[in-house]
C-alpha cells in the first residue's frame, strides 16, 4: 500500500511540474526562447527528474525486498 501512495505522490509531482513548466519557460526571458536553448534546459531538467524518480523507485523496491526477507527470517526463528 505504501508503494501506491508513493507512486500517486510522484504522479502528482510530475503533473505539477508539467503544468508549471511552460510558465517557467516564459519567465526565462526572450533570450533563451530566441536561441532555442530553453528546450535543452527543459529537457535536461526532465531527464534529471525522471532519473531521480527511477532511482527512488528502484531503492524502494530493494528496501521492500529486504524488509520481507527480514520478516521471513524472524518468522523462521520463532
PDB file of N, CA and C in Angstrom:
ATOM      1  N   UNK A   1       0.817  -1.190   0.000  1.00  0.00           N
ATOM      2  CA  UNK A   1       0.000   0.000   0.000  1.00  0.00           C
ATOM      3  C   UNK A   1       0.865   1.260   0.000  1.00  0.00           C
ATOM      4  N   UNK A   2       2.015   1.181   0.688  1.00  0.00           N
ATOM      5  CA  UNK A   2       2.907   2.333   0.750  1.00  0.00           C
ATOM      6  C   UNK A   2       3.449   2.668  -0.634  1.00  0.00           C
ATOM      7  N   UNK A   3       3.696   1.629  -1.430  1.00  0.00           N
ATOM      8  CA  UNK A   3       4.215   1.833  -2.779  1.00  0.00           C
ATOM      9  C   UNK A   3       3.238   2.636  -3.619  1.00  0.00           C
ATOM     10  N   UNK A   4       1.945   2.343  -3.488  1.00  0.00           N
ATOM     11  CA  UNK A   4       0.946   3.056  -4.275  1.00  0.00           C
ATOM     12  C   UNK A   4       0.815   4.509  -3.830  1.00  0.00           C
ATOM     13  N   UNK A   5       0.936   4.767  -2.539  1.00  0.00           N
ATOM     14  CA  UNK A   5       0.907   6.140  -2.056  1.00  0.00           C
ATOM     15  C   UNK A   5       2.091   6.925  -2.604  1.00  0.00           C
ATOM     16  N   UNK A   6       3.251   6.281  -2.634  1.00  0.00           N
ATOM     17  CA  UNK A   6       4.438   6.929  -3.182  1.00  0.00           C
ATOM     18  C   UNK A   6       4.268   7.183  -4.667  1.00  0.00           C
ATOM     19  N   UNK A   7       3.717   6.217  -5.373  1.00  0.00           N
ATOM     20  CA  UNK A   7       3.507   6.364  -6.814  1.00  0.00           C
ATOM     21  C   UNK A   7       2.532   7.506  -7.095  1.00  0.00           C
ATOM     22  N   UNK A   8       1.465   7.606  -6.320  1.00  0.00           N
ATOM     23  CA  UNK A   8       0.499   8.692  -6.502  1.00  0.00           C
ATOM     24  C   UNK A   8       1.169  10.034  -6.236  1.00  0.00           C
ATOM     25  N   UNK A   9       2.016  10.094  -5.212  1.00  0.00           N
ATOM     26  CA  UNK A   9       2.738  11.327  -4.914  1.00  0.00           C
ATOM     27  C   UNK A   9       3.607  11.747  -6.094  1.00  0.00           C
ATOM     28  N   UNK A  10       4.345  10.807  -6.673  1.00  0.00           N
ATOM     29  CA  UNK A  10       5.211  11.130  -7.803  1.00  0.00           C
ATOM     30  C   UNK A  10       4.407  11.536  -9.031  1.00  0.00           C
ATOM     31  N   UNK A  11       3.253  10.936  -9.232  1.00  0.00           N
ATOM     32  CA  UNK A  11       2.410  11.319 -10.363  1.00  0.00           C
ATOM     33  C   UNK A  11       1.913  12.745 -10.182  1.00  0.00           C
ATOM     34  N   UNK A  12       1.516  13.092  -8.968  1.00  0.00           N
ATOM     35  CA  UNK A  12       1.057  14.458  -8.698  1.00  0.00           C
ATOM     36  C   UNK A  12       2.197  15.450  -8.914  1.00  0.00           C
ATOM     37  N   UNK A  13       3.391  15.111  -8.451  1.00  0.00           N
ATOM     38  CA  UNK A  13       4.544  15.990  -8.642  1.00  0.00           C
ATOM     39  C   UNK A  13       4.860  16.132 -10.125  1.00  0.00           C
ATOM     40  N   UNK A  14       4.779  15.037 -10.866  1.00  0.00           N
ATOM     41  CA  UNK A  14       5.058  15.080 -12.300  1.00  0.00           C
ATOM     42  C   UNK A  14       4.078  15.994 -13.021  1.00  0.00           C
ATOM     43  N   UNK A  15       2.783  15.827 -12.753  1.00  0.00           N
ATOM     44  CA  UNK A  15       1.801  16.688 -13.402  1.00  0.00           C
ATOM     45  C   UNK A  15       1.954  18.142 -12.967  1.00  0.00           C
ATOM     46  N   UNK A  16       2.319  18.355 -11.722  1.00  0.00           N
ATOM     47  CA  UNK A  16       2.573  19.716 -11.267  1.00  0.00           C
ATOM     48  C   UNK A  16       3.748  20.332 -11.993  1.00  0.00           C
ATOM     49  N   UNK A  17       4.801  19.541 -12.197  1.00  0.00           N
ATOM     50  CA  UNK A  17       5.974  20.046 -12.916  1.00  0.00           C
ATOM     51  C   UNK A  17       5.624  20.328 -14.370  1.00  0.00           C
ATOM     52  N   UNK A  18       4.836  19.467 -14.976  1.00  0.00           N
ATOM     53  CA  UNK A  18       4.448  19.688 -16.367  1.00  0.00           C
ATOM     54  C   UNK A  18       3.521  20.895 -16.499  1.00  0.00           C
ATOM     55  N   UNK A  19       2.714  21.128 -15.486  1.00  0.00           N
ATOM     56  CA  UNK A  19       1.805  22.269 -15.510  1.00  0.00           C
ATOM     57  C   UNK A  19       2.577  23.579 -15.365  1.00  0.00           C
ATOM     58  N   UNK A  20       3.592  23.582 -14.501  1.00  0.00           N
ATOM     59  CA  UNK A  20       4.358  24.797 -14.252  1.00  0.00           C
ATOM     60  C   UNK A  20       5.480  25.015 -15.259  1.00  0.00           C
ATOM     61  N   UNK A  21       5.824  23.995 -16.008  1.00  0.00           N
ATOM     62  CA  UNK A  21       6.951  24.088 -16.936  1.00  0.00           C
ATOM     63  C   UNK A  21       6.777  25.205 -17.966  1.00  0.00           C
ATOM     64  N   UNK A  22       5.633  25.340 -18.646  1.00  0.00           N
ATOM     65  CA  UNK A  22       5.507  26.446 -19.599  1.00  0.00           C
ATOM     66  C   UNK A  22       5.576  27.816 -18.925  1.00  0.00           C
ATOM     67  N   UNK A  23       5.060  27.925 -17.717  1.00  0.00           N
ATOM     68  CA  UNK A  23       5.115  29.204 -17.013  1.00  0.00           C
ATOM     69  C   UNK A  23       6.565  29.576 -16.707  1.00  0.00           C
ATOM     70  N   UNK A  24       7.367  28.610 -16.315  1.00  0.00           N
ATOM     71  CA  UNK A  24       8.774  28.881 -16.028  1.00  0.00           C
ATOM     72  C   UNK A  24       9.553  29.158 -17.305  1.00  0.00           C
ATOM     73  N   UNK A  25       9.182  28.535 -18.404  1.00  0.00           N
ATOM     74  CA  UNK A  25       9.897  28.740 -19.659  1.00  0.00           C
ATOM     75  C   UNK A  25       9.685  30.169 -20.154  1.00  0.00           C
ATOM     76  N   UNK A  26       8.498  30.693 -20.001  1.00  0.00           N
ATOM     77  CA  UNK A  26       8.247  32.066 -20.446  1.00  0.00           C
ATOM     78  C   UNK A  26       8.892  33.079 -19.516  1.00  0.00           C
ATOM     79  N   UNK A  27       9.044  32.722 -18.263  1.00  0.00           N
ATOM     80  CA  UNK A  27       9.670  33.636 -17.320  1.00  0.00           C
ATOM     81  C   UNK A  27      11.177  33.729 -17.537  1.00  0.00           C
ATOM     82  N   UNK A  28      11.756  32.797 -18.290  1.00  0.00           N
ATOM     83  CA  UNK A  28      13.201  32.791 -18.504  1.00  0.00           C
ATOM     84  C   UNK A  28      13.654  33.937 -19.395  1.00  0.00           C
ATOM     85  N   UNK A  29      12.743  34.549 -20.116  1.00  0.00           N
ATOM     86  CA  UNK A  29      13.101  35.692 -20.949  1.00  0.00           C
ATOM     87  C   UNK A  29      13.170  35.324 -22.416  1.00  0.00           C
ATOM     88  N   UNK A  30      13.313  36.365 -23.229  1.00  0.00           N
ATOM     89  CA  UNK A  30      13.326  36.159 -24.671  1.00  0.00           C
ATOM     90  C   UNK A  30      14.625  35.533 -25.158  1.00  0.00           C
ATOM     91  N   UNK A  31      15.709  35.759 -24.464  1.00  0.00           N
ATOM     92  CA  UNK A  31      16.993  35.255 -24.942  1.00  0.00           C
ATOM     93  C   UNK A  31      16.988  33.738 -25.088  1.00  0.00           C
ATOM     94  N   UNK A  32      16.504  33.051 -24.071  1.00  0.00           N
ATOM     95  CA  UNK A  32      16.513  31.592 -24.122  1.00  0.00           C
ATOM     96  C   UNK A  32      15.560  31.069 -25.193  1.00  0.00           C
ATOM     97  N   UNK A  33      14.436  31.730 -25.383  1.00  0.00           N
ATOM     98  CA  UNK A  33      13.492  31.294 -26.414  1.00  0.00           C
ATOM     99  C   UNK A  33      14.001  31.618 -27.809  1.00  0.00           C
ATOM    100  N   UNK A  34      14.640  32.752 -27.965  1.00  0.00           N
ATOM    101  CA  UNK A  34      15.136  33.135 -29.282  1.00  0.00           C
ATOM    102  C   UNK A  34      16.250  32.216 -29.765  1.00  0.00           C
ATOM    103  N   UNK A  35      17.105  31.808 -28.859  1.00  0.00           N
ATOM    104  CA  UNK A  35      18.226  30.956 -29.250  1.00  0.00           C
ATOM    105  C   UNK A  35      17.846  29.482 -29.287  1.00  0.00           C
ATOM    106  N   UNK A  36      16.671  29.139 -28.773  1.00  0.00           N
ATOM    107  CA  UNK A  36      16.218  27.753 -28.789  1.00  0.00           C
ATOM    108  C   UNK A  36      16.825  26.900 -27.692  1.00  0.00           C
ATOM    109  N   UNK A  37      17.499  27.516 -26.764  1.00  0.00           N
ATOM    110  CA  UNK A  37      18.154  26.760 -25.702  1.00  0.00           C
ATOM    111  C   UNK A  37      17.203  26.396 -24.567  1.00  0.00           C
ATOM    112  N   UNK A  38      16.050  27.006 -24.535  1.00  0.00           N
ATOM    113  CA  UNK A  38      15.102  26.699 -23.460  1.00  0.00           C
ATOM    114  C   UNK A  38      14.649  25.248 -23.549  1.00  0.00           C
ATOM    115  N   UNK A  39      14.569  24.724 -24.775  1.00  0.00           N
ATOM    116  CA  UNK A  39      14.185  23.317 -24.938  1.00  0.00           C
ATOM    117  C   UNK A  39      15.247  22.393 -24.347  1.00  0.00           C
ATOM    118  N   UNK A  40      16.490  22.758 -24.491  1.00  0.00           N
ATOM    119  CA  UNK A  40      17.576  21.965 -23.922  1.00  0.00           C
ATOM    120  C   UNK A  40      17.518  22.012 -22.400  1.00  0.00           C
ATOM    121  N   UNK A  41      17.269  23.176 -21.854  1.00  0.00           N
ATOM    122  CA  UNK A  41      17.190  23.319 -20.399  1.00  0.00           C
ATOM    123  C   UNK A  41      16.033  22.494 -19.843  1.00  0.00           C
ATOM    124  N   UNK A  42      14.879  22.594 -20.460  1.00  0.00           N
ATOM    125  CA  UNK A  42      13.718  21.819 -20.006  1.00  0.00           C
ATOM    126  C   UNK A  42      13.989  20.329 -20.159  1.00  0.00           C
ATOM    127  N   UNK A  43      14.621  19.937 -21.238  1.00  0.00           N
ATOM    128  CA  UNK A  43      14.948  18.524 -21.445  1.00  0.00           C
ATOM    129  C   UNK A  43      15.885  17.979 -20.387  1.00  0.00           C
ATOM    130  N   UNK A  44      16.896  18.742 -20.040  1.00  0.00           N
ATOM    131  CA  UNK A  44      17.848  18.306 -19.013  1.00  0.00           C
ATOM    132  C   UNK A  44      17.164  18.213 -17.653  1.00  0.00           C
ATOM    133  N   UNK A  45      16.326  19.187 -17.341  1.00  0.00           N
ATOM    134  CA  UNK A  45      15.606  19.155 -16.059  1.00  0.00           C
ATOM    135  C   UNK A  45      14.694  17.938 -15.989  1.00  0.00           C
ATOM    136  N   UNK A  46      13.968  17.661 -17.065  1.00  0.00           N
ATOM    137  CA  UNK A  46      13.089  16.483 -17.088  1.00  0.00           C
ATOM    138  C   UNK A  46      13.892  15.189 -16.997  1.00  0.00           C
ATOM    139  N   UNK A  47      15.025  15.131 -17.671  1.00  0.00           N
ATOM    140  CA  UNK A  47      15.872  13.941 -17.612  1.00  0.00           C
ATOM    141  C   UNK A  47      16.369  13.704 -16.188  1.00  0.00           C
ATOM    142  N   UNK A  48      16.805  14.754 -15.521  1.00  0.00           N
ATOM    143  CA  UNK A  48      17.235  14.619 -14.130  1.00  0.00           C
ATOM    144  C   UNK A  48      16.084  14.195 -13.226  1.00  0.00           C
ATOM    145  N   UNK A  49      14.920  14.788 -13.436  1.00  0.00           N
ATOM    146  CA  UNK A  49      13.759  14.445 -12.615  1.00  0.00           C
ATOM    147  C   UNK A  49      13.393  12.973 -12.775  1.00  0.00           C
ATOM    148  N   UNK A  50      13.320  12.503 -14.024  1.00  0.00           N
ATOM    149  CA  UNK A  50      12.961  11.105 -14.256  1.00  0.00           C
ATOM    150  C   UNK A  50      14.045  10.158 -13.746  1.00  0.00           C
ATOM    151  N   UNK A  51      15.303  10.571 -13.828  1.00  0.00           N
ATOM    152  CA  UNK A  51      16.379   9.751 -13.279  1.00  0.00           C
ATOM    153  C   UNK A  51      16.273   9.608 -11.768  1.00  0.00           C
ATOM    154  N   UNK A  52      15.974  10.702 -11.092  1.00  0.00           N
ATOM    155  CA  UNK A  52      15.806  10.646  -9.635  1.00  0.00           C
ATOM    156  C   UNK A  52      14.603   9.806  -9.253  1.00  0.00           C
ATOM    157  N   UNK A  53      13.508   9.952  -9.989  1.00  0.00           N
ATOM    158  CA  UNK A  53      12.306   9.157  -9.702  1.00  0.00           C
ATOM    159  C   UNK A  53      12.592   7.674  -9.913  1.00  0.00           C
ATOM    160  N   UNK A  54      13.270   7.324 -10.997  1.00  0.00           N
ATOM    161  CA  UNK A  54      13.600   5.918 -11.259  1.00  0.00           C
ATOM    162  C   UNK A  54      14.507   5.366 -10.165  1.00  0.00           C
ATOM    163  N   UNK A  55      15.468   6.168  -9.725  1.00  0.00           N
ATOM    164  CA  UNK A  55      16.362   5.735  -8.648  1.00  0.00           C
ATOM    165  C   UNK A  55      15.584   5.492  -7.351  1.00  0.00           C
ATOM    166  N   UNK A  56      14.674   6.393  -7.020  1.00  0.00           N
ATOM    167  CA  UNK A  56      13.900   6.237  -5.790  1.00  0.00           C
ATOM    168  C   UNK A  56      12.978   5.028  -5.848  1.00  0.00           C
ATOM    169  N   UNK A  57      12.390   4.778  -6.999  1.00  0.00           N
ATOM    170  CA  UNK A  57      11.523   3.604  -7.148  1.00  0.00           C
ATOM    171  C   UNK A  57      12.342   2.332  -6.996  1.00  0.00           C
ATOM    172  N   UNK A  58      13.524   2.293  -7.631  1.00  0.00           N
ATOM    173  CA  UNK A  58      14.387   1.114  -7.509  1.00  0.00           C
ATOM    174  C   UNK A  58      14.833   0.910  -6.064  1.00  0.00           C
ATOM    175  N   UNK A  59      15.176   1.990  -5.388  1.00  0.00           N
ATOM    176  CA  UNK A  59      15.599   1.912  -3.996  1.00  0.00           C
ATOM    177  C   UNK A  59      14.468   1.415  -3.105  1.00  0.00           C
ATOM    178  N   UNK A  60      13.261   1.892  -3.362  1.00  0.00           N
ATOM    179  CA  UNK A  60      12.114   1.443  -2.565  1.00  0.00           C
ATOM    180  C   UNK A  60      11.841  -0.039  -2.769  1.00  0.00           C
ATOM    181  N   UNK A  61      11.977  -0.522  -3.986  1.00  0.00           N
ATOM    182  CA  UNK A  61      11.778  -1.951  -4.247  1.00  0.00           C
ATOM    183  C   UNK A  61      12.818  -2.798  -3.519  1.00  0.00           C
ATOM    184  N   UNK A  62      14.063  -2.343  -3.524  1.00  0.00           N
ATOM    185  CA  UNK A  62      15.107  -3.075  -2.812  1.00  0.00           C
ATOM    186  C   UNK A  62      14.838  -3.097  -1.317  1.00  0.00           C
ATOM    187  N   UNK A  63      14.418  -1.959  -0.765  1.00  0.00           N
ATOM    188  CA  UNK A  63      14.121  -1.901   0.671  1.00  0.00           C
ATOM    189  C   UNK A  63      12.947  -2.795   1.035  1.00  0.00           C
ATOM    190  N   UNK A  64      11.928  -2.803   0.180  1.00  0.00           N
ATOM    191  CA  UNK A  64      10.775  -3.671   0.428  1.00  0.00           C
ATOM    192  C   UNK A  64      11.192  -5.132   0.407  1.00  0.00           C
ATOM    193  N   UNK A  65      12.054  -5.479  -0.533  1.00  0.00           N
ATOM    194  CA  UNK A  65      12.555  -6.852  -0.622  1.00  0.00           C
ATOM    195  C   UNK A  65      13.322  -7.226   0.640  1.00  0.00           C
ATOM    196  N   UNK A  66      14.173  -6.317   1.133  1.00  0.00           N
ATOM    197  CA  UNK A  66      14.925  -6.580   2.362  1.00  0.00           C
ATOM    198  C   UNK A  66      13.998  -6.688   3.575  1.00  0.00           C
ATOM    199  N   UNK A  67      12.979  -5.845   3.629  1.00  0.00           N
ATOM    200  CA  UNK A  67      12.018  -5.914   4.736  1.00  0.00           C
ATOM    201  C   UNK A  67      11.308  -7.255   4.755  1.00  0.00           C
ATOM    202  N   UNK A  68      10.898  -7.731   3.583  1.00  0.00           N
ATOM    203  CA  UNK A  68      10.238  -9.039   3.516  1.00  0.00           C
ATOM    204  C   UNK A  68      11.209 -10.154   3.916  1.00  0.00           C
ATOM    205  N   UNK A  69      12.465 -10.030   3.524  1.00  0.00           N
ATOM    206  CA  UNK A  69      13.464 -11.035   3.872  1.00  0.00           C
ATOM    207  C   UNK A  69      13.693 -11.050   5.382  1.00  0.00           C
ATOM    208  N   UNK A  70      13.753  -9.876   5.998  1.00  0.00           N
ATOM    209  CA  UNK A  70      13.944  -9.800   7.451  1.00  0.00           C
ATOM    210  C   UNK A  70      12.731 -10.380   8.170  1.00  0.00           C
ATOM    211  N   UNK A  71      11.534 -10.062   7.694  1.00  0.00           N
ATOM    212  CA  UNK A  71      10.327 -10.606   8.322  1.00  0.00           C
ATOM    213  C   UNK A  71      10.272 -12.122   8.186  1.00  0.00           C
ATOM    214  N   UNK A  72      10.689 -12.657   7.054  1.00  0.00           N
ATOM    215  CA  UNK A  72      10.711 -14.108   6.871  1.00  0.00           C
ATOM    216  C   UNK A  72      11.726 -14.761   7.804  1.00  0.00           C
ATOM    217  N   UNK A  73      12.877 -14.108   7.999  1.00  0.00           N
ATOM    218  CA  UNK A  73      13.894 -14.647   8.903  1.00  0.00           C
ATOM    219  C   UNK A  73      13.392 -14.657  10.342  1.00  0.00           C
ATOM    220  N   UNK A  74      12.681 -13.615  10.757  1.00  0.00           N
ATOM    221  CA  UNK A  74      12.141 -13.554  12.121  1.00  0.00           C
ATOM    222  C   UNK A  74      11.061 -14.601  12.315  1.00  0.00           C
ATOM    223  N   UNK A  75      10.233 -14.833  11.323  1.00  0.00           N
ATOM    224  CA  UNK A  75       9.197 -15.856  11.421  1.00  0.00           C
ATOM    225  C   UNK A  75       9.810 -17.238  11.479  1.00  0.00           C
ATOM    226  N   UNK A  76      10.898 -17.450  10.773  1.00  0.00           N
ATOM    227  CA  UNK A  76      11.558 -18.759  10.740  1.00  0.00           C
ATOM    228  C   UNK A  76      12.169 -19.069  12.096  1.00  0.00           C
ATOM    229  N   UNK A  77      12.724 -18.042  12.769  1.00  0.00           N
ATOM    230  CA  UNK A  77      13.362 -18.261  14.072  1.00  0.00           C
ATOM    231  C   UNK A  77      12.336 -18.528  15.155  1.00  0.00           C
ATOM    232  N   UNK A  78      11.143 -17.957  15.034  1.00  0.00           N
ATOM    233  CA  UNK A  78      10.107 -18.146  16.068  1.00  0.00           C
ATOM    234  C   UNK A  78       9.439 -19.429  15.819  1.00  0.00           C
TER     235      UNK A  78
END
